[in-house]
PDB file of N, CA and C in Angstrom:
ATOM      1  N   MET A   1      -5.168 -19.585  19.895  1.00  0.00           N
ATOM      2  CA  MET A   1      -6.428 -18.901  19.641  1.00  0.00           C
ATOM      3  C   MET A   1      -6.191 -17.620  18.854  1.00  0.00           C
ATOM      4  N   ILE A   2      -5.247 -16.813  19.342  1.00  0.00           N
ATOM      5  CA  ILE A   2      -5.001 -15.537  18.674  1.00  0.00           C
ATOM      6  C   ILE A   2      -4.484 -15.759  17.265  1.00  0.00           C
ATOM      7  N   SER A   3      -3.617 -16.748  17.095  1.00  0.00           N
ATOM      8  CA  SER A   3      -3.054 -16.989  15.771  1.00  0.00           C
ATOM      9  C   SER A   3      -4.110 -17.480  14.790  1.00  0.00           C
ATOM     10  N   GLU A   4      -5.165 -18.104  15.290  1.00  0.00           N
ATOM     11  CA  GLU A   4      -6.221 -18.601  14.417  1.00  0.00           C
ATOM     12  C   GLU A   4      -7.153 -17.501  13.950  1.00  0.00           C
ATOM     13  N   VAL A   5      -7.214 -16.410  14.680  1.00  0.00           N
ATOM     14  CA  VAL A   5      -8.134 -15.325  14.348  1.00  0.00           C
ATOM     15  C   VAL A   5      -7.397 -14.080  13.873  1.00  0.00           C
ATOM     16  N   LEU A   6      -6.435 -13.638  14.655  1.00  0.00           N
ATOM     17  CA  LEU A   6      -5.775 -12.360  14.392  1.00  0.00           C
ATOM     18  C   LEU A   6      -4.902 -12.385  13.146  1.00  0.00           C
ATOM     19  N   ILE A   7      -4.131 -13.424  12.975  1.00  0.00           N
ATOM     20  CA  ILE A   7      -3.208 -13.474  11.840  1.00  0.00           C
ATOM     21  C   ILE A   7      -3.949 -13.520  10.503  1.00  0.00           C
ATOM     22  N   PRO A   8      -5.013 -14.312  10.332  1.00  0.00           N
ATOM     23  CA  PRO A   8      -5.746 -14.250   9.053  1.00  0.00           C
ATOM     24  C   PRO A   8      -6.389 -12.890   8.789  1.00  0.00           C
ATOM     25  N   ILE A   9      -6.870 -12.230   9.838  1.00  0.00           N
ATOM     26  CA  ILE A   9      -7.447 -10.893   9.652  1.00  0.00           C
ATOM     27  C   ILE A   9      -6.372  -9.907   9.222  1.00  0.00           C
ATOM     28  N   LEU A  10      -5.208  -9.959   9.870  1.00  0.00           N
ATOM     29  CA  LEU A  10      -4.110  -9.074   9.481  1.00  0.00           C
ATOM     30  C   LEU A  10      -3.603  -9.395   8.077  1.00  0.00           C
ATOM     31  N   ALA A  11      -3.599 -10.668   7.710  1.00  0.00           N
ATOM     32  CA  ALA A  11      -3.190 -11.048   6.354  1.00  0.00           C
ATOM     33  C   ALA A  11      -4.175 -10.493   5.331  1.00  0.00           C
ATOM     34  N   LEU A  12      -5.449 -10.543   5.646  1.00  0.00           N
ATOM     35  CA  LEU A  12      -6.463  -9.982   4.751  1.00  0.00           C
ATOM     36  C   LEU A  12      -6.283  -8.477   4.583  1.00  0.00           C
ATOM     37  N   LEU A  13      -6.045  -7.779   5.682  1.00  0.00           N
ATOM     38  CA  LEU A  13      -5.805  -6.331   5.609  1.00  0.00           C
ATOM     39  C   LEU A  13      -4.524  -6.017   4.843  1.00  0.00           C
ATOM     40  N   ALA A  14      -3.495  -6.825   5.044  1.00  0.00           N
ATOM     41  CA  ALA A  14      -2.243  -6.618   4.317  1.00  0.00           C
ATOM     42  C   ALA A  14      -2.450  -6.817   2.828  1.00  0.00           C
ATOM     43  N   ASN A  15      -3.211  -7.831   2.450  1.00  0.00           N
ATOM     44  CA  ASN A  15      -3.513  -8.048   1.030  1.00  0.00           C
ATOM     45  C   ASN A  15      -4.324  -6.903   0.457  1.00  0.00           C
ATOM     46  N   LEU A  16      -5.270  -6.392   1.223  1.00  0.00           N
ATOM     47  CA  LEU A  16      -6.089  -5.277   0.758  1.00  0.00           C
ATOM     48  C   LEU A  16      -5.232  -4.037   0.518  1.00  0.00           C
ATOM     49  N   VAL A  17      -4.341  -3.732   1.453  1.00  0.00           N
ATOM     50  CA  VAL A  17      -3.451  -2.572   1.284  1.00  0.00           C
ATOM     51  C   VAL A  17      -2.526  -2.782   0.093  1.00  0.00           C
ATOM     52  N   THR A  18      -2.048  -3.998  -0.085  1.00  0.00           N
ATOM     53  CA  THR A  18      -1.185  -4.303  -1.225  1.00  0.00           C
ATOM     54  C   THR A  18      -1.915  -4.059  -2.535  1.00  0.00           C
ATOM     55  N   TYR A  19      -3.151  -4.516  -2.631  1.00  0.00           N
ATOM     56  CA  TYR A  19      -3.936  -4.291  -3.855  1.00  0.00           C
ATOM     57  C   TYR A  19      -4.192  -2.809  -4.094  1.00  0.00           C
ATOM     58  N   VAL A  20      -4.457  -2.065  -3.036  1.00  0.00           N
ATOM     59  CA  VAL A  20      -4.706  -0.621  -3.186  1.00  0.00           C
ATOM     60  C   VAL A  20      -3.441   0.081  -3.677  1.00  0.00           C
ATOM     61  N   VAL A  21      -2.284  -0.307  -3.156  1.00  0.00           N
ATOM     62  CA  VAL A  21      -1.014   0.287  -3.604  1.00  0.00           C
ATOM     63  C   VAL A  21      -0.779  -0.019  -5.081  1.00  0.00           C
ATOM     64  N   ILE A  22      -1.044  -1.249  -5.488  1.00  0.00           N
ATOM     65  CA  ILE A  22      -0.838  -1.633  -6.891  1.00  0.00           C
ATOM     66  C   ILE A  22      -1.804  -0.892  -7.797  1.00  0.00           C
ATOM     67  N   ILE A  23      -3.055  -0.770  -7.383  1.00  0.00           N
ATOM     68  CA  ILE A  23      -4.041  -0.042  -8.196  1.00  0.00           C
ATOM     69  C   ILE A  23      -3.642   1.421  -8.323  1.00  0.00           C
ATOM     70  N   GLN A  24      -3.195   2.026  -7.219  1.00  0.00           N
ATOM     71  CA  GLN A  24      -2.762   3.425  -7.287  1.00  0.00           C
ATOM     72  C   GLN A  24      -1.562   3.580  -8.213  1.00  0.00           C
ATOM     73  N   PHE A  25      -0.624   2.649  -8.150  1.00  0.00           N
ATOM     74  CA  PHE A  25       0.553   2.715  -9.008  1.00  0.00           C
ATOM     75  C   PHE A  25       0.161   2.621 -10.482  1.00  0.00           C
ATOM     76  N   VAL A  26      -0.673   1.652 -10.816  1.00  0.00           N
ATOM     77  CA  VAL A  26      -1.089   1.473 -12.211  1.00  0.00           C
ATOM     78  C   VAL A  26      -1.853   2.697 -12.697  1.00  0.00           C
ATOM     79  N   LEU A  27      -2.760   3.200 -11.883  1.00  0.00           N
ATOM     80  CA  LEU A  27      -3.533   4.368 -12.293  1.00  0.00           C
ATOM     81  C   LEU A  27      -2.645   5.601 -12.446  1.00  0.00           C
ATOM     82  N   SER A  28      -1.662   5.760 -11.559  1.00  0.00           N
ATOM     83  CA  SER A  28      -0.772   6.915 -11.694  1.00  0.00           C
ATOM     84  C   SER A  28       0.108   6.791 -12.940  1.00  0.00           C
ATOM     85  N   MET A  29       0.481   5.568 -13.311  1.00  0.00           N
ATOM     86  CA  MET A  29       1.235   5.373 -14.554  1.00  0.00           C
ATOM     87  C   MET A  29       0.360   5.681 -15.774  1.00  0.00           C
ATOM     88  N   LEU A  30      -0.891   5.297 -15.726  1.00  0.00           N
ATOM     89  CA  LEU A  30      -1.807   5.611 -16.828  1.00  0.00           C
ATOM     90  C   LEU A  30      -1.990   7.119 -16.969  1.00  0.00           C
ATOM     91  N   VAL A  31      -2.030   7.821 -15.850  1.00  0.00           N
ATOM     92  CA  VAL A  31      -2.137   9.280 -15.902  1.00  0.00           C
ATOM     93  C   VAL A  31      -0.827   9.877 -16.411  1.00  0.00           C
ATOM     94  N   ALA A  32       0.308   9.353 -15.953  1.00  0.00           N
ATOM     95  CA  ALA A  32       1.610   9.891 -16.360  1.00  0.00           C
ATOM     96  C   ALA A  32       1.852   9.725 -17.849  1.00  0.00           C
ATOM     97  N   PHE A  33       1.387   8.610 -18.413  1.00  0.00           N
ATOM     98  CA  PHE A  33       1.576   8.371 -19.840  1.00  0.00           C
ATOM     99  C   PHE A  33       0.399   8.854 -20.679  1.00  0.00           C
ATOM    100  N   ASN A  34      -0.474   9.638 -20.042  1.00  0.00           N
ATOM    101  CA  ASN A  34      -1.587  10.307 -20.714  1.00  0.00           C
ATOM    102  C   ASN A  34      -2.563   9.319 -21.379  1.00  0.00           C
ATOM    103  N   VAL A  35      -2.718   8.142 -20.787  1.00  0.00           N
ATOM    104  CA  VAL A  35      -3.729   7.201 -21.257  1.00  0.00           C
ATOM    105  C   VAL A  35      -5.090   7.637 -20.726  1.00  0.00           C
ATOM    106  N   VAL A  36      -5.111   8.038 -19.454  1.00  0.00           N
ATOM    107  CA  VAL A  36      -6.299   8.638 -18.839  1.00  0.00           C
ATOM    108  C   VAL A  36      -5.848   9.950 -18.215  1.00  0.00           C
ATOM    109  N   ASN A  37      -6.801  10.808 -17.911  1.00  0.00           N
ATOM    110  CA  ASN A  37      -6.436  12.076 -17.287  1.00  0.00           C
ATOM    111  C   ASN A  37      -7.419  12.427 -16.180  1.00  0.00           C
ATOM    112  N   TYR A  38      -7.054  13.448 -15.418  1.00  0.00           N
ATOM    113  CA  TYR A  38      -7.866  13.857 -14.277  1.00  0.00           C
ATOM    114  C   TYR A  38      -9.149  14.563 -14.688  1.00  0.00           C
ATOM    115  N   HIS A  39      -9.304  14.894 -15.939  1.00  0.00           N
ATOM    116  CA  HIS A  39     -10.550  15.516 -16.391  1.00  0.00           C
ATOM    117  C   HIS A  39     -11.688  14.509 -16.390  1.00  0.00           C
ATOM    118  N   ASN A  40     -11.355  13.226 -16.443  1.00  0.00           N
ATOM    119  CA  ASN A  40     -12.357  12.173 -16.315  1.00  0.00           C
ATOM    120  C   ASN A  40     -12.777  12.121 -14.845  1.00  0.00           C
ATOM    121  N   GLN A  41     -14.072  12.275 -14.590  1.00  0.00           N
ATOM    122  CA  GLN A  41     -14.573  12.360 -13.227  1.00  0.00           C
ATOM    123  C   GLN A  41     -14.306  11.073 -12.442  1.00  0.00           C
ATOM    124  N   PHE A  42     -14.443   9.924 -13.087  1.00  0.00           N
ATOM    125  CA  PHE A  42     -14.197   8.650 -12.406  1.00  0.00           C
ATOM    126  C   PHE A  42     -12.736   8.520 -11.994  1.00  0.00           C
ATOM    127  N   VAL A  43     -11.825   8.866 -12.887  1.00  0.00           N
ATOM    128  CA  VAL A  43     -10.390   8.782 -12.593  1.00  0.00           C
ATOM    129  C   VAL A  43     -10.036   9.731 -11.459  1.00  0.00           C
ATOM    130  N   SER A  44     -10.575  10.935 -11.512  1.00  0.00           N
ATOM    131  CA  SER A  44     -10.302  11.914 -10.468  1.00  0.00           C
ATOM    132  C   SER A  44     -10.820  11.436  -9.112  1.00  0.00           C
ATOM    133  N   ALA A  45     -12.031  10.910  -9.081  1.00  0.00           N
ATOM    134  CA  ALA A  45     -12.599  10.424  -7.824  1.00  0.00           C
ATOM    135  C   ALA A  45     -11.836   9.216  -7.302  1.00  0.00           C
ATOM    136  N   LEU A  46     -11.437   8.323  -8.197  1.00  0.00           N
ATOM    137  CA  LEU A  46     -10.691   7.132  -7.788  1.00  0.00           C
ATOM    138  C   LEU A  46      -9.327   7.506  -7.217  1.00  0.00           C
ATOM    139  N   MET A  47      -8.606   8.404  -7.876  1.00  0.00           N
ATOM    140  CA  MET A  47      -7.299   8.828  -7.372  1.00  0.00           C
ATOM    141  C   MET A  47      -7.437   9.578  -6.042  1.00  0.00           C
ATOM    142  N   THR A  48      -8.471  10.385  -5.910  1.00  0.00           N
ATOM    143  CA  THR A  48      -8.691  11.088  -4.653  1.00  0.00           C
ATOM    144  C   THR A  48      -8.944  10.097  -3.525  1.00  0.00           C
ATOM    145  N   GLY A  49      -9.756   9.084  -3.783  1.00  0.00           N
ATOM    146  CA  GLY A  49     -10.037   8.072  -2.772  1.00  0.00           C
ATOM    147  C   GLY A  49      -8.817   7.246  -2.418  1.00  0.00           C
ATOM    148  N   LEU A  50      -8.065   6.831  -3.429  1.00  0.00           N
ATOM    149  CA  LEU A  50      -6.860   6.045  -3.174  1.00  0.00           C
ATOM    150  C   LEU A  50      -5.830   6.853  -2.394  1.00  0.00           C
ATOM    151  N   ASN A  51      -5.682   8.123  -2.754  1.00  0.00           N
ATOM    152  CA  ASN A  51      -4.742   8.976  -2.020  1.00  0.00           C
ATOM    153  C   ASN A  51      -5.202   9.198  -0.588  1.00  0.00           C
ATOM    154  N   ALA A  52      -6.512   9.312  -0.370  1.00  0.00           N
ATOM    155  CA  ALA A  52      -7.029   9.488   0.991  1.00  0.00           C
ATOM    156  C   ALA A  52      -6.761   8.258   1.841  1.00  0.00           C
ATOM    157  N   ILE A  53      -6.782   7.083   1.228  1.00  0.00           N
ATOM    158  CA  ILE A  53      -6.508   5.849   1.961  1.00  0.00           C
ATOM    159  C   ILE A  53      -5.018   5.684   2.226  1.00  0.00           C
ATOM    160  N   LEU A  54      -4.193   5.946   1.226  1.00  0.00           N
ATOM    161  CA  LEU A  54      -2.769   5.622   1.329  1.00  0.00           C
ATOM    162  C   LEU A  54      -1.901   6.739   1.907  1.00  0.00           C
ATOM    163  N   ASP A  55      -2.296   7.984   1.765  1.00  0.00           N
ATOM    164  CA  ASP A  55      -1.435   9.071   2.249  1.00  0.00           C
ATOM    165  C   ASP A  55      -1.131   8.998   3.741  1.00  0.00           C
ATOM    166  N   PRO A  56      -2.084   8.647   4.609  1.00  0.00           N
ATOM    167  CA  PRO A  56      -1.719   8.523   6.033  1.00  0.00           C
ATOM    168  C   PRO A  56      -0.713   7.398   6.296  1.00  0.00           C
ATOM    169  N   ILE A  57      -0.700   6.391   5.455  1.00  0.00           N
ATOM    170  CA  ILE A  57       0.243   5.293   5.632  1.00  0.00           C
ATOM    171  C   ILE A  57       1.594   5.644   5.007  1.00  0.00           C
ATOM    172  N   LEU A  58       1.575   6.318   3.869  1.00  0.00           N
ATOM    173  CA  LEU A  58       2.809   6.605   3.143  1.00  0.00           C
ATOM    174  C   LEU A  58       3.536   7.848   3.654  1.00  0.00           C
ATOM    175  N   ALA A  59       2.833   8.766   4.285  1.00  0.00           N
ATOM    176  CA  ALA A  59       3.454  10.019   4.729  1.00  0.00           C
ATOM    177  C   ALA A  59       4.616   9.798   5.701  1.00  0.00           C
ATOM    178  N   PRO A  60       4.481   8.933   6.721  1.00  0.00           N
ATOM    179  CA  PRO A  60       5.642   8.713   7.602  1.00  0.00           C
ATOM    180  C   PRO A  60       6.825   8.076   6.880  1.00  0.00           C
ATOM    181  N   ILE A  61       6.540   7.218   5.919  1.00  0.00           N
ATOM    182  CA  ILE A  61       7.622   6.591   5.151  1.00  0.00           C
ATOM    183  C   ILE A  61       8.313   7.643   4.299  1.00  0.00           C
ATOM    184  N   ARG A  62       7.542   8.528   3.684  1.00  0.00           N
ATOM    185  CA  ARG A  62       8.126   9.594   2.849  1.00  0.00           C
ATOM    186  C   ARG A  62       9.012  10.526   3.660  1.00  0.00           C
ATOM    187  N   ARG A  63       8.648  10.762   4.928  1.00  0.00           N
ATOM    188  CA  ARG A  63       9.460  11.650   5.766  1.00  0.00           C
ATOM    189  C   ARG A  63      10.844  11.070   6.017  1.00  0.00           C
ATOM    190  N   HIS A  64      10.954   9.748   6.066  1.00  0.00           N
ATOM    191  CA  HIS A  64      12.239   9.112   6.386  1.00  0.00           C
ATOM    192  C   HIS A  64      13.072   8.773   5.156  1.00  0.00           C
ATOM    193  N   LEU A  65      12.478   8.810   3.989  1.00  0.00           N
ATOM    194  CA  LEU A  65      13.222   8.510   2.770  1.00  0.00           C
ATOM    195  C   LEU A  65      13.905   9.768   2.249  1.00  0.00           C
ATOM    196  N   PRO A  66      15.062   9.619   1.633  1.00  0.00           N
ATOM    197  CA  PRO A  66      15.708  10.807   1.037  1.00  0.00           C
ATOM    198  C   PRO A  66      14.933  11.287  -0.190  1.00  0.00           C
ATOM    199  N   ARG A  67      15.083  12.540  -0.504  1.00  0.00           N
ATOM    200  CA  ARG A  67      14.431  13.123  -1.689  1.00  0.00           C
ATOM    201  C   ARG A  67      15.055  12.526  -2.941  1.00  0.00           C
ATOM    202  N   THR A  68      14.219  12.056  -3.860  1.00  0.00           N
ATOM    203  CA  THR A  68      14.727  11.454  -5.093  1.00  0.00           C
ATOM    204  C   THR A  68      14.163  12.149  -6.325  1.00  0.00           C
ATOM    205  N   GLY A  69      13.790  13.388  -6.183  1.00  0.00           N
ATOM    206  CA  GLY A  69      13.236  14.100  -7.323  1.00  0.00           C
ATOM    207  C   GLY A  69      11.793  13.698  -7.571  1.00  0.00           C
ATOM    208  N   GLY A  70      11.507  13.225  -8.780  1.00  0.00           N
ATOM    209  CA  GLY A  70      10.139  12.871  -9.134  1.00  0.00           C
ATOM    210  C   GLY A  70       9.755  11.450  -8.802  1.00  0.00           C
ATOM    211  N   LEU A  71      10.695  10.650  -8.301  1.00  0.00           N
ATOM    212  CA  LEU A  71      10.392   9.253  -7.991  1.00  0.00           C
ATOM    213  C   LEU A  71       9.979   9.107  -6.535  1.00  0.00           C
ATOM    214  N   ASP A  72       8.919   8.348  -6.319  1.00  0.00           N
ATOM    215  CA  ASP A  72       8.416   8.096  -4.976  1.00  0.00           C
ATOM    216  C   ASP A  72       8.580   6.610  -4.671  1.00  0.00           C
ATOM    217  N   PHE A  73       9.512   6.304  -3.796  1.00  0.00           N
ATOM    218  CA  PHE A  73       9.785   4.916  -3.442  1.00  0.00           C
ATOM    219  C   PHE A  73       8.997   4.447  -2.220  1.00  0.00           C
ATOM    220  N   SER A  74       8.176   5.315  -1.650  1.00  0.00           N
ATOM    221  CA  SER A  74       7.451   4.938  -0.439  1.00  0.00           C
ATOM    222  C   SER A  74       6.482   3.772  -0.657  1.00  0.00           C
ATOM    223  N   PRO A  75       5.790   3.630  -1.799  1.00  0.00           N
ATOM    224  CA  PRO A  75       4.948   2.440  -1.968  1.00  0.00           C
ATOM    225  C   PRO A  75       5.744   1.132  -1.972  1.00  0.00           C
ATOM    226  N   ILE A  76       6.949   1.160  -2.535  1.00  0.00           N
ATOM    227  CA  ILE A  76       7.786  -0.037  -2.538  1.00  0.00           C
ATOM    228  C   ILE A  76       8.209  -0.386  -1.114  1.00  0.00           C
ATOM    229  N   VAL A  77       8.578   0.628  -0.352  1.00  0.00           N
ATOM    230  CA  VAL A  77       8.967   0.403   1.037  1.00  0.00           C
ATOM    231  C   VAL A  77       7.776  -0.127   1.833  1.00  0.00           C
ATOM    232  N   LEU A  78       6.587   0.420   1.600  1.00  0.00           N
ATOM    233  CA  LEU A  78       5.387  -0.056   2.277  1.00  0.00           C
ATOM    234  C   LEU A  78       5.120  -1.523   1.964  1.00  0.00           C
ATOM    235  N   LEU A  79       5.201  -1.904   0.698  1.00  0.00           N
ATOM    236  CA  LEU A  79       4.976  -3.300   0.327  1.00  0.00           C
ATOM    237  C   LEU A  79       6.021  -4.209   0.970  1.00  0.00           C
ATOM    238  N   PHE A  80       7.252  -3.759   1.027  1.00  0.00           N
ATOM    239  CA  PHE A  80       8.309  -4.527   1.681  1.00  0.00           C
ATOM    240  C   PHE A  80       8.019  -4.691   3.168  1.00  0.00           C
ATOM    241  N   LEU A  81       7.629  -3.611   3.843  1.00  0.00           N
ATOM    242  CA  LEU A  81       7.325  -3.676   5.269  1.00  0.00           C
ATOM    243  C   LEU A  81       6.136  -4.584   5.557  1.00  0.00           C
ATOM    244  N   ILE A  82       5.135  -4.558   4.685  1.00  0.00           N
ATOM    245  CA  ILE A  82       3.978  -5.444   4.855  1.00  0.00           C
ATOM    246  C   ILE A  82       4.419  -6.901   4.792  1.00  0.00           C
ATOM    247  N   GLN A  83       5.282  -7.219   3.836  1.00  0.00           N
ATOM    248  CA  GLN A  83       5.753  -8.592   3.720  1.00  0.00           C
ATOM    249  C   GLN A  83       6.579  -9.013   4.933  1.00  0.00           C
ATOM    250  N   VAL A  84       7.420  -8.127   5.440  1.00  0.00           N
ATOM    251  CA  VAL A  84       8.226  -8.434   6.623  1.00  0.00           C
ATOM    252  C   VAL A  84       7.325  -8.692   7.829  1.00  0.00           C
ATOM    253  N   VAL A  85       6.339  -7.840   8.024  1.00  0.00           N
ATOM    254  CA  VAL A  85       5.424  -8.016   9.155  1.00  0.00           C
ATOM    255  C   VAL A  85       4.648  -9.322   9.029  1.00  0.00           C
ATOM    256  N   MET A  86       4.220  -9.672   7.828  1.00  0.00           N
ATOM    257  CA  MET A  86       3.476 -10.922   7.647  1.00  0.00           C
ATOM    258  C   MET A  86       4.362 -12.140   7.899  1.00  0.00           C
ATOM    259  N   ILE A  87       5.617 -12.077   7.524  1.00  0.00           N
ATOM    260  CA  ILE A  87       6.542 -13.176   7.813  1.00  0.00           C
ATOM    261  C   ILE A  87       6.729 -13.331   9.318  1.00  0.00           C
ATOM    262  N   ILE A  88       6.899 -12.220  10.001  1.00  0.00           N
ATOM    263  CA  ILE A  88       7.063 -12.259  11.459  1.00  0.00           C
ATOM    264  C   ILE A  88       5.809 -12.803  12.125  1.00  0.00           C
ATOM    265  N   LEU A  89       4.640 -12.332  11.699  1.00  0.00           N
ATOM    266  CA  LEU A  89       3.390 -12.812  12.293  1.00  0.00           C
ATOM    267  C   LEU A  89       3.162 -14.292  12.025  1.00  0.00           C
ATOM    268  N   SER A  90       3.497 -14.760  10.843  1.00  0.00           N
ATOM    269  CA  SER A  90       3.314 -16.186  10.572  1.00  0.00           C
ATOM    270  C   SER A  90       4.272 -17.019  11.416  1.00  0.00           C
ATOM    271  N   TYR A  91       5.476 -16.525  11.641  1.00  0.00           N
ATOM    272  CA  TYR A  91       6.422 -17.222  12.508  1.00  0.00           C
ATOM    273  C   TYR A  91       5.896 -17.283  13.936  1.00  0.00           C
ATOM    274  N   VAL A  92       5.424 -16.148  14.432  1.00  0.00           N
ATOM    275  CA  VAL A  92       4.893 -16.106  15.802  1.00  0.00           C
ATOM    276  C   VAL A  92       3.666 -17.004  15.906  1.00  0.00           C
ATOM    277  N   GLY A  93       2.816 -16.997  14.910  1.00  0.00           N
ATOM    278  CA  GLY A  93       1.619 -17.828  14.935  1.00  0.00           C
ATOM    279  C   GLY A  93       1.923 -19.305  14.944  1.00  0.00           C
ATOM    280  N   ARG A  94       2.939 -19.721  14.221  1.00  0.00           N
ATOM    281  CA  ARG A  94       3.300 -21.146  14.173  1.00  0.00           C
ATOM    282  C   ARG A  94       3.974 -21.613  15.456  1.00  0.00           C
ATOM    283  N   HIS A  95       4.810 -20.773  16.017  1.00  0.00           N
ATOM    284  CA  HIS A  95       5.611 -21.225  17.145  1.00  0.00           C
ATOM    285  C   HIS A  95       5.006 -20.915  18.504  1.00  0.00           C
ATOM    286  N   TYR A  96       4.143 -19.928  18.582  1.00  0.00           N
ATOM    287  CA  TYR A  96       3.581 -19.572  19.871  1.00  0.00           C
ATOM    288  C   TYR A  96       2.068 -19.679  19.921  1.00  0.00           C
ATOM    289  N   GLY A  97       1.449 -20.052  18.806  1.00  0.00           N
ATOM    290  CA  GLY A  97      -0.007 -20.086  18.744  1.00  0.00           C
ATOM    291  C   GLY A  97      -0.587 -21.368  18.971  1.00  0.00           C
TER     292      GLY A  97
END
């Protein structure tokens, strides 16, 4: 029962977080390469919203990662952890559900 309901909901949330991380990455690259800038109200609002969603998730990961200068590897670690958790949940769902 739980595997039929809980695992698909968690998979949906994991996919949503994955898409948000990818959108934030692409938008930050566009800002870094000066394709778009923060003076655009839409870009500023979008980055503020994405950061508000992801910062509570990425902050604990950033605390445990070593300082790498200007590179932030916490989104990569987050995506990796999401995939690991989904593999574990699918295993538990198949064998115990």
